[in-house]
């Protein structure tokens, strides 16, 4: 088996407010003079090391884990799984 680095990104769906992103945008970016930046959305990132036969198997295992363990709330969040190695 090989070792794979898998990244899980959890972010609010577009119709859900993102107060953290709004605060970063308003209080840091705009006040810092970056008026060409129109919005900011934040996300949580998990990085996992997984032993699997292939990158596809690693991705499927982590996606199943996230669903089974309710790592995210599918009603308000999107969960993206990406295998890096």
PDB file of N, CA and C in Angstrom:
ATOM      1  N   UNK A   1       0.839  -1.191   0.000  1.00  0.00           N
ATOM      2  CA  UNK A   1       0.000   0.000   0.000  1.00  0.00           C
ATOM      3  C   UNK A   1       0.877   1.245   0.000  1.00  0.00           C
ATOM      4  N   UNK A   2       0.373   2.265  -0.623  1.00  0.00           N
ATOM      5  CA  UNK A   2       1.076   3.534  -0.691  1.00  0.00           C
ATOM      6  C   UNK A   2       0.466   4.512   0.302  1.00  0.00           C
ATOM      7  N   UNK A   3       1.203   5.570   0.578  1.00  0.00           N
ATOM      8  CA  UNK A   3       0.714   6.629   1.444  1.00  0.00           C
ATOM      9  C   UNK A   3       0.281   7.814   0.572  1.00  0.00           C
ATOM     10  N   UNK A   4      -0.900   8.332   0.859  1.00  0.00           N
ATOM     11  CA  UNK A   4      -1.447   9.455   0.111  1.00  0.00           C
ATOM     12  C   UNK A   4      -1.816  10.578   1.064  1.00  0.00           C
ATOM     13  N   UNK A   5      -1.567  11.802   0.634  1.00  0.00           N
ATOM     14  CA  UNK A   5      -2.038  12.961   1.391  1.00  0.00           C
ATOM     15  C   UNK A   5      -3.371  13.378   0.781  1.00  0.00           C
ATOM     16  N   UNK A   6      -4.382  13.423   1.630  1.00  0.00           N
ATOM     17  CA  UNK A   6      -5.725  13.774   1.182  1.00  0.00           C
ATOM     18  C   UNK A   6      -6.154  15.049   1.902  1.00  0.00           C
ATOM     19  N   UNK A   7      -6.672  15.984   1.133  1.00  0.00           N
ATOM     20  CA  UNK A   7      -7.122  17.260   1.684  1.00  0.00           C
ATOM     21  C   UNK A   7      -8.642  17.312   1.602  1.00  0.00           C
ATOM     22  N   UNK A   8      -9.268  17.606   2.734  1.00  0.00           N
ATOM     23  CA  UNK A   8     -10.715  17.778   2.811  1.00  0.00           C
ATOM     24  C   UNK A   8     -10.988  19.260   3.040  1.00  0.00           C
ATOM     25  N   UNK A   9     -11.783  19.860   2.163  1.00  0.00           N
ATOM     26  CA  UNK A   9     -12.164  21.260   2.305  1.00  0.00           C
ATOM     27  C   UNK A   9     -13.653  21.310   2.595  1.00  0.00           C
ATOM     28  N   UNK A  10     -13.997  21.978   3.698  1.00  0.00           N
ATOM     29  CA  UNK A  10     -15.388  22.115   4.104  1.00  0.00           C
ATOM     30  C   UNK A  10     -15.725  23.594   4.095  1.00  0.00           C
ATOM     31  N   UNK A  11     -16.728  23.951   3.285  1.00  0.00           N
ATOM     32  CA  UNK A  11     -17.113  25.360   3.199  1.00  0.00           C
ATOM     33  C   UNK A  11     -18.623  25.477   3.156  1.00  0.00           C
ATOM     34  N   UNK A  12     -19.116  26.610   3.656  1.00  0.00           N
ATOM     35  CA  UNK A  12     -20.547  26.868   3.621  1.00  0.00           C
ATOM     36  C   UNK A  12     -21.029  26.930   2.180  1.00  0.00           C
ATOM     37  N   UNK A  13     -22.237  26.441   1.945  1.00  0.00           N
ATOM     38  CA  UNK A  13     -22.844  26.574   0.631  1.00  0.00           C
ATOM     39  C   UNK A  13     -23.073  28.057   0.343  1.00  0.00           C
ATOM     40  N   UNK A  14     -23.207  28.381  -0.935  1.00  0.00           N
ATOM     41  CA  UNK A  14     -23.307  29.785  -1.346  1.00  0.00           C
ATOM     42  C   UNK A  14     -24.470  30.537  -0.705  1.00  0.00           C
ATOM     43  N   UNK A  15     -25.560  29.868  -0.404  1.00  0.00           N
ATOM     44  CA  UNK A  15     -26.718  30.555   0.171  1.00  0.00           C
ATOM     45  C   UNK A  15     -26.617  30.751   1.686  1.00  0.00           C
ATOM     46  N   UNK A  16     -25.539  30.244   2.306  1.00  0.00           N
ATOM     47  CA  UNK A  16     -25.310  30.401   3.744  1.00  0.00           C
ATOM     48  C   UNK A  16     -24.348  31.564   3.956  1.00  0.00           C
ATOM     49  N   UNK A  17     -24.697  32.464   4.878  1.00  0.00           N
ATOM     50  CA  UNK A  17     -23.806  33.584   5.205  1.00  0.00           C
ATOM     51  C   UNK A  17     -22.470  33.078   5.730  1.00  0.00           C
ATOM     52  N   UNK A  18     -21.447  33.869   5.510  1.00  0.00           N
ATOM     53  CA  UNK A  18     -20.104  33.559   5.990  1.00  0.00           C
ATOM     54  C   UNK A  18     -19.598  34.768   6.783  1.00  0.00           C
ATOM     55  N   UNK A  19     -20.002  34.889   8.066  1.00  0.00           N
ATOM     56  CA  UNK A  19     -19.613  36.057   8.855  1.00  0.00           C
ATOM     57  C   UNK A  19     -18.103  36.238   8.973  1.00  0.00           C
ATOM     58  N   UNK A  20     -17.356  35.144   9.066  1.00  0.00           N
ATOM     59  CA  UNK A  20     -15.899  35.244   9.165  1.00  0.00           C
ATOM     60  C   UNK A  20     -15.307  35.842   7.887  1.00  0.00           C
ATOM     61  N   UNK A  21     -15.773  35.356   6.747  1.00  0.00           N
ATOM     62  CA  UNK A  21     -15.315  35.897   5.470  1.00  0.00           C
ATOM     63  C   UNK A  21     -15.689  37.354   5.297  1.00  0.00           C
ATOM     64  N   UNK A  22     -16.904  37.707   5.714  1.00  0.00           N
ATOM     65  CA  UNK A  22     -17.356  39.099   5.616  1.00  0.00           C
ATOM     66  C   UNK A  22     -16.507  40.014   6.493  1.00  0.00           C
ATOM     67  N   UNK A  23     -16.154  39.549   7.691  1.00  0.00           N
ATOM     68  CA  UNK A  23     -15.322  40.347   8.601  1.00  0.00           C
ATOM     69  C   UNK A  23     -13.926  40.536   8.027  1.00  0.00           C
ATOM     70  N   UNK A  24     -13.339  39.469   7.503  1.00  0.00           N
ATOM     71  CA  UNK A  24     -12.013  39.573   6.887  1.00  0.00           C
ATOM     72  C   UNK A  24     -12.054  40.564   5.731  1.00  0.00           C
ATOM     73  N   UNK A  25     -13.088  40.474   4.920  1.00  0.00           N
ATOM     74  CA  UNK A  25     -13.210  41.367   3.768  1.00  0.00           C
ATOM     75  C   UNK A  25     -13.349  42.822   4.206  1.00  0.00           C
ATOM     76  N   UNK A  26     -14.284  43.078   5.104  1.00  0.00           N
ATOM     77  CA  UNK A  26     -14.590  44.450   5.504  1.00  0.00           C
ATOM     78  C   UNK A  26     -13.485  45.067   6.370  1.00  0.00           C
ATOM     79  N   UNK A  27     -13.060  44.348   7.400  1.00  0.00           N
ATOM     80  CA  UNK A  27     -12.163  44.932   8.400  1.00  0.00           C
ATOM     81  C   UNK A  27     -10.683  44.814   8.068  1.00  0.00           C
ATOM     82  N   UNK A  28     -10.302  43.931   7.178  1.00  0.00           N
ATOM     83  CA  UNK A  28      -8.888  43.795   6.827  1.00  0.00           C
ATOM     84  C   UNK A  28      -8.616  44.196   5.380  1.00  0.00           C
ATOM     85  N   UNK A  29      -9.277  43.532   4.467  1.00  0.00           N
ATOM     86  CA  UNK A  29      -8.961  43.726   3.048  1.00  0.00           C
ATOM     87  C   UNK A  29      -9.345  45.112   2.560  1.00  0.00           C
ATOM     88  N   UNK A  30     -10.602  45.501   2.762  1.00  0.00           N
ATOM     89  CA  UNK A  30     -11.028  46.819   2.281  1.00  0.00           C
ATOM     90  C   UNK A  30     -10.304  47.944   3.013  1.00  0.00           C
ATOM     91  N   UNK A  31     -10.171  47.815   4.337  1.00  0.00           N
ATOM     92  CA  UNK A  31      -9.459  48.844   5.101  1.00  0.00           C
ATOM     93  C   UNK A  31      -7.979  48.873   4.761  1.00  0.00           C
ATOM     94  N   UNK A  32      -7.453  47.759   4.239  1.00  0.00           N
ATOM     95  CA  UNK A  32      -6.057  47.697   3.828  1.00  0.00           C
ATOM     96  C   UNK A  32      -5.828  48.244   2.428  1.00  0.00           C
ATOM     97  N   UNK A  33      -6.892  48.725   1.808  1.00  0.00           N
ATOM     98  CA  UNK A  33      -6.747  49.360   0.507  1.00  0.00           C
ATOM     99  C   UNK A  33      -6.931  48.452  -0.695  1.00  0.00           C
ATOM    100  N   UNK A  34      -7.402  47.234  -0.489  1.00  0.00           N
ATOM    101  CA  UNK A  34      -7.587  46.296  -1.600  1.00  0.00           C
ATOM    102  C   UNK A  34      -9.039  46.325  -2.068  1.00  0.00           C
ATOM    103  N   UNK A  35      -9.461  47.451  -2.613  1.00  0.00           N
ATOM    104  CA  UNK A  35     -10.860  47.640  -2.992  1.00  0.00           C
ATOM    105  C   UNK A  35     -11.270  46.802  -4.199  1.00  0.00           C
ATOM    106  N   UNK A  36     -10.322  46.247  -4.924  1.00  0.00           N
ATOM    107  CA  UNK A  36     -10.663  45.403  -6.066  1.00  0.00           C
ATOM    108  C   UNK A  36     -11.093  43.993  -5.649  1.00  0.00           C
ATOM    109  N   UNK A  37     -10.915  43.616  -4.385  1.00  0.00           N
ATOM    110  CA  UNK A  37     -11.394  42.341  -3.859  1.00  0.00           C
ATOM    111  C   UNK A  37     -12.856  42.529  -3.478  1.00  0.00           C
ATOM    112  N   UNK A  38     -13.748  41.764  -4.080  1.00  0.00           N
ATOM    113  CA  UNK A  38     -15.185  41.978  -3.911  1.00  0.00           C
ATOM    114  C   UNK A  38     -15.823  41.121  -2.831  1.00  0.00           C
ATOM    115  N   UNK A  39     -15.246  39.975  -2.491  1.00  0.00           N
ATOM    116  CA  UNK A  39     -15.818  39.157  -1.431  1.00  0.00           C
ATOM    117  C   UNK A  39     -14.798  38.114  -0.970  1.00  0.00           C
ATOM    118  N   UNK A  40     -15.063  37.572   0.211  1.00  0.00           N
ATOM    119  CA  UNK A  40     -14.204  36.533   0.794  1.00  0.00           C
ATOM    120  C   UNK A  40     -15.114  35.457   1.372  1.00  0.00           C
ATOM    121  N   UNK A  41     -14.800  34.200   1.093  1.00  0.00           N
ATOM    122  CA  UNK A  41     -15.475  33.063   1.713  1.00  0.00           C
ATOM    123  C   UNK A  41     -14.394  32.235   2.422  1.00  0.00           C
ATOM    124  N   UNK A  42     -14.682  31.809   3.623  1.00  0.00           N
ATOM    125  CA  UNK A  42     -13.725  31.005   4.378  1.00  0.00           C
ATOM    126  C   UNK A  42     -14.100  29.524   4.295  1.00  0.00           C
ATOM    127  N   UNK A  43     -13.146  28.674   4.656  1.00  0.00           N
ATOM    128  CA  UNK A  43     -13.357  27.225   4.655  1.00  0.00           C
ATOM    129  C   UNK A  43     -12.464  26.598   5.715  1.00  0.00           C
ATOM    130  N   UNK A  44     -12.786  25.386   6.076  1.00  0.00           N
ATOM    131  CA  UNK A  44     -11.940  24.588   6.970  1.00  0.00           C
ATOM    132  C   UNK A  44     -11.231  23.552   6.114  1.00  0.00           C
ATOM    133  N   UNK A  45      -9.981  23.285   6.453  1.00  0.00           N
ATOM    134  CA  UNK A  45      -9.201  22.310   5.698  1.00  0.00           C
ATOM    135  C   UNK A  45      -8.661  21.255   6.657  1.00  0.00           C
ATOM    136  N   UNK A  46      -8.836  19.998   6.280  1.00  0.00           N
ATOM    137  CA  UNK A  46      -8.260  18.877   7.009  1.00  0.00           C
ATOM    138  C   UNK A  46      -7.257  18.211   6.080  1.00  0.00           C
ATOM    139  N   UNK A  47      -6.069  17.916   6.584  1.00  0.00           N
ATOM    140  CA  UNK A  47      -5.061  17.197   5.805  1.00  0.00           C
ATOM    141  C   UNK A  47      -4.835  15.854   6.486  1.00  0.00           C
ATOM    142  N   UNK A  48      -4.997  14.795   5.716  1.00  0.00           N
ATOM    143  CA  UNK A  48      -4.886  13.450   6.268  1.00  0.00           C
ATOM    144  C   UNK A  48      -3.879  12.628   5.475  1.00  0.00           C
ATOM    145  N   UNK A  49      -3.148  11.780   6.167  1.00  0.00           N
ATOM    146  CA  UNK A  49      -2.268  10.796   5.528  1.00  0.00           C
ATOM    147  C   UNK A  49      -3.008   9.467   5.544  1.00  0.00           C
ATOM    148  N   UNK A  50      -3.127   8.836   4.369  1.00  0.00           N
ATOM    149  CA  UNK A  50      -3.925   7.623   4.228  1.00  0.00           C
ATOM    150  C   UNK A  50      -3.105   6.551   3.524  1.00  0.00           C
ATOM    151  N   UNK A  51      -3.188   5.323   4.023  1.00  0.00           N
ATOM    152  CA  UNK A  51      -2.603   4.184   3.324  1.00  0.00           C
ATOM    153  C   UNK A  51      -3.706   3.549   2.491  1.00  0.00           C
ATOM    154  N   UNK A  52      -3.465   3.462   1.179  1.00  0.00           N
ATOM    155  CA  UNK A  52      -4.452   2.884   0.260  1.00  0.00           C
ATOM    156  C   UNK A  52      -3.731   2.334  -0.967  1.00  0.00           C
ATOM    157  N   UNK A  53      -4.457   1.569  -1.764  1.00  0.00           N
ATOM    158  CA  UNK A  53      -3.874   0.985  -2.970  1.00  0.00           C
ATOM    159  C   UNK A  53      -3.735   2.005  -4.090  1.00  0.00           C
ATOM    160  N   UNK A  54      -4.628   3.007  -4.110  1.00  0.00           N
ATOM    161  CA  UNK A  54      -4.606   4.007  -5.174  1.00  0.00           C
ATOM    162  C   UNK A  54      -5.137   5.339  -4.639  1.00  0.00           C
ATOM    163  N   UNK A  55      -4.909   6.399  -5.405  1.00  0.00           N
ATOM    164  CA  UNK A  55      -5.417   7.709  -4.992  1.00  0.00           C
ATOM    165  C   UNK A  55      -6.942   7.716  -4.994  1.00  0.00           C
ATOM    166  N   UNK A  56      -7.552   6.997  -5.925  1.00  0.00           N
ATOM    167  CA  UNK A  56      -9.016   6.913  -5.971  1.00  0.00           C
ATOM    168  C   UNK A  56      -9.549   6.233  -4.716  1.00  0.00           C
ATOM    169  N   UNK A  57      -8.909   5.144  -4.316  1.00  0.00           N
ATOM    170  CA  UNK A  57      -9.329   4.443  -3.097  1.00  0.00           C
ATOM    171  C   UNK A  57      -9.163   5.348  -1.874  1.00  0.00           C
ATOM    172  N   UNK A  58      -8.071   6.091  -1.817  1.00  0.00           N
ATOM    173  CA  UNK A  58      -7.838   7.011  -0.698  1.00  0.00           C
ATOM    174  C   UNK A  58      -8.935   8.076  -0.643  1.00  0.00           C
ATOM    175  N   UNK A  59      -9.267   8.661  -1.787  1.00  0.00           N
ATOM    176  CA  UNK A  59     -10.317   9.684  -1.841  1.00  0.00           C
ATOM    177  C   UNK A  59     -11.667   9.113  -1.418  1.00  0.00           C
ATOM    178  N   UNK A  60     -11.998   7.943  -1.934  1.00  0.00           N
ATOM    179  CA  UNK A  60     -13.283   7.324  -1.603  1.00  0.00           C
ATOM    180  C   UNK A  60     -13.375   6.988  -0.116  1.00  0.00           C
ATOM    181  N   UNK A  61     -12.277   6.494   0.453  1.00  0.00           N
ATOM    182  CA  UNK A  61     -12.244   6.170   1.883  1.00  0.00           C
ATOM    183  C   UNK A  61     -12.486   7.415   2.733  1.00  0.00           C
ATOM    184  N   UNK A  62     -11.810   8.504   2.395  1.00  0.00           N
ATOM    185  CA  UNK A  62     -11.947   9.733   3.189  1.00  0.00           C
ATOM    186  C   UNK A  62     -13.334  10.339   3.010  1.00  0.00           C
ATOM    187  N   UNK A  63     -13.868  10.321   1.797  1.00  0.00           N
ATOM    188  CA  UNK A  63     -15.227  10.843   1.576  1.00  0.00           C
ATOM    189  C   UNK A  63     -16.230  10.046   2.394  1.00  0.00           C
ATOM    190  N   UNK A  64     -16.093   8.708   2.399  1.00  0.00           N
ATOM    191  CA  UNK A  64     -16.987   7.853   3.192  1.00  0.00           C
ATOM    192  C   UNK A  64     -16.849   8.171   4.675  1.00  0.00           C
ATOM    193  N   UNK A  65     -15.607   8.344   5.145  1.00  0.00           N
ATOM    194  CA  UNK A  65     -15.382   8.674   6.544  1.00  0.00           C
ATOM    195  C   UNK A  65     -16.078   9.984   6.910  1.00  0.00           C
ATOM    196  N   UNK A  66     -15.919  11.001   6.056  1.00  0.00           N
ATOM    197  CA  UNK A  66     -16.536  12.305   6.330  1.00  0.00           C
ATOM    198  C   UNK A  66     -18.054  12.191   6.399  1.00  0.00           C
ATOM    199  N   UNK A  67     -18.634  11.394   5.500  1.00  0.00           N
ATOM    200  CA  UNK A  67     -20.086  11.192   5.504  1.00  0.00           C
ATOM    201  C   UNK A  67     -20.528  10.388   6.719  1.00  0.00           C
ATOM    202  N   UNK A  68     -19.853   9.270   6.984  1.00  0.00           N
ATOM    203  CA  UNK A  68     -20.242   8.386   8.091  1.00  0.00           C
ATOM    204  C   UNK A  68     -20.116   9.063   9.450  1.00  0.00           C
ATOM    205  N   UNK A  69     -19.038   9.818   9.635  1.00  0.00           N
ATOM    206  CA  UNK A  69     -18.775  10.433  10.942  1.00  0.00           C
ATOM    207  C   UNK A  69     -19.376  11.832  11.069  1.00  0.00           C
ATOM    208  N   UNK A  70     -20.036  12.279  10.001  1.00  0.00           N
ATOM    209  CA  UNK A  70     -20.659  13.611  10.000  1.00  0.00           C
ATOM    210  C   UNK A  70     -19.626  14.698  10.319  1.00  0.00           C
ATOM    211  N   UNK A  71     -18.491  14.615   9.641  1.00  0.00           N
ATOM    212  CA  UNK A  71     -17.433  15.611   9.807  1.00  0.00           C
ATOM    213  C   UNK A  71     -17.950  16.986   9.385  1.00  0.00           C
ATOM    214  N   UNK A  72     -18.938  17.011   8.509  1.00  0.00           N
ATOM    215  CA  UNK A  72     -19.538  18.252   8.028  1.00  0.00           C
ATOM    216  C   UNK A  72     -21.054  18.083   8.000  1.00  0.00           C
ATOM    217  N   UNK A  73     -21.770  19.184   7.924  1.00  0.00           N
ATOM    218  CA  UNK A  73     -23.216  19.158   7.838  1.00  0.00           C
ATOM    219  C   UNK A  73     -23.604  19.325   6.370  1.00  0.00           C
ATOM    220  N   UNK A  74     -24.085  18.273   5.710  1.00  0.00           N
ATOM    221  CA  UNK A  74     -24.366  18.358   4.275  1.00  0.00           C
ATOM    222  C   UNK A  74     -25.499  19.320   3.914  1.00  0.00           C
ATOM    223  N   UNK A  75     -26.280  19.723   4.881  1.00  0.00           N
ATOM    224  CA  UNK A  75     -27.364  20.665   4.605  1.00  0.00           C
ATOM    225  C   UNK A  75     -26.811  22.063   4.348  1.00  0.00           C
ATOM    226  N   UNK A  76     -25.773  22.450   5.085  1.00  0.00           N
ATOM    227  CA  UNK A  76     -25.246  23.816   4.961  1.00  0.00           C
ATOM    228  C   UNK A  76     -23.835  23.886   4.393  1.00  0.00           C
ATOM    229  N   UNK A  77     -23.169  22.739   4.267  1.00  0.00           N
ATOM    230  CA  UNK A  77     -21.763  22.751   3.844  1.00  0.00           C
ATOM    231  C   UNK A  77     -21.518  21.853   2.638  1.00  0.00           C
ATOM    232  N   UNK A  78     -20.515  22.222   1.860  1.00  0.00           N
ATOM    233  CA  UNK A  78     -19.977  21.371   0.802  1.00  0.00           C
ATOM    234  C   UNK A  78     -18.676  20.772   1.301  1.00  0.00           C
ATOM    235  N   UNK A  79     -18.426  19.533   0.932  1.00  0.00           N
ATOM    236  CA  UNK A  79     -17.199  18.848   1.320  1.00  0.00           C
ATOM    237  C   UNK A  79     -16.508  18.377   0.053  1.00  0.00           C
ATOM    238  N   UNK A  80     -15.271  18.837  -0.139  1.00  0.00           N
ATOM    239  CA  UNK A  80     -14.493  18.473  -1.319  1.00  0.00           C
ATOM    240  C   UNK A  80     -13.276  17.670  -0.857  1.00  0.00           C
ATOM    241  N   UNK A  81     -13.053  16.533  -1.475  1.00  0.00           N
ATOM    242  CA  UNK A  81     -11.928  15.654  -1.130  1.00  0.00           C
ATOM    243  C   UNK A  81     -10.960  15.632  -2.315  1.00  0.00           C
ATOM    244  N   UNK A  82      -9.688  15.939  -2.039  1.00  0.00           N
ATOM    245  CA  UNK A  82      -8.662  15.978  -3.074  1.00  0.00           C
ATOM    246  C   UNK A  82      -7.456  15.175  -2.609  1.00  0.00           C
ATOM    247  N   UNK A  83      -6.977  14.275  -3.446  1.00  0.00           N
ATOM    248  CA  UNK A  83      -5.769  13.520  -3.137  1.00  0.00           C
ATOM    249  C   UNK A  83      -4.577  14.210  -3.776  1.00  0.00           C
ATOM    250  N   UNK A  84      -3.553  14.518  -2.970  1.00  0.00           N
ATOM    251  CA  UNK A  84      -2.379  15.228  -3.456  1.00  0.00           C
ATOM    252  C   UNK A  84      -1.260  14.302  -3.917  1.00  0.00           C
ATOM    253  N   UNK A  85      -1.053  13.209  -3.209  1.00  0.00           N
ATOM    254  CA  UNK A  85       0.043  12.313  -3.564  1.00  0.00           C
ATOM    255  C   UNK A  85      -0.439  10.901  -3.718  1.00  0.00           C
TER     256      UNK A  85
END
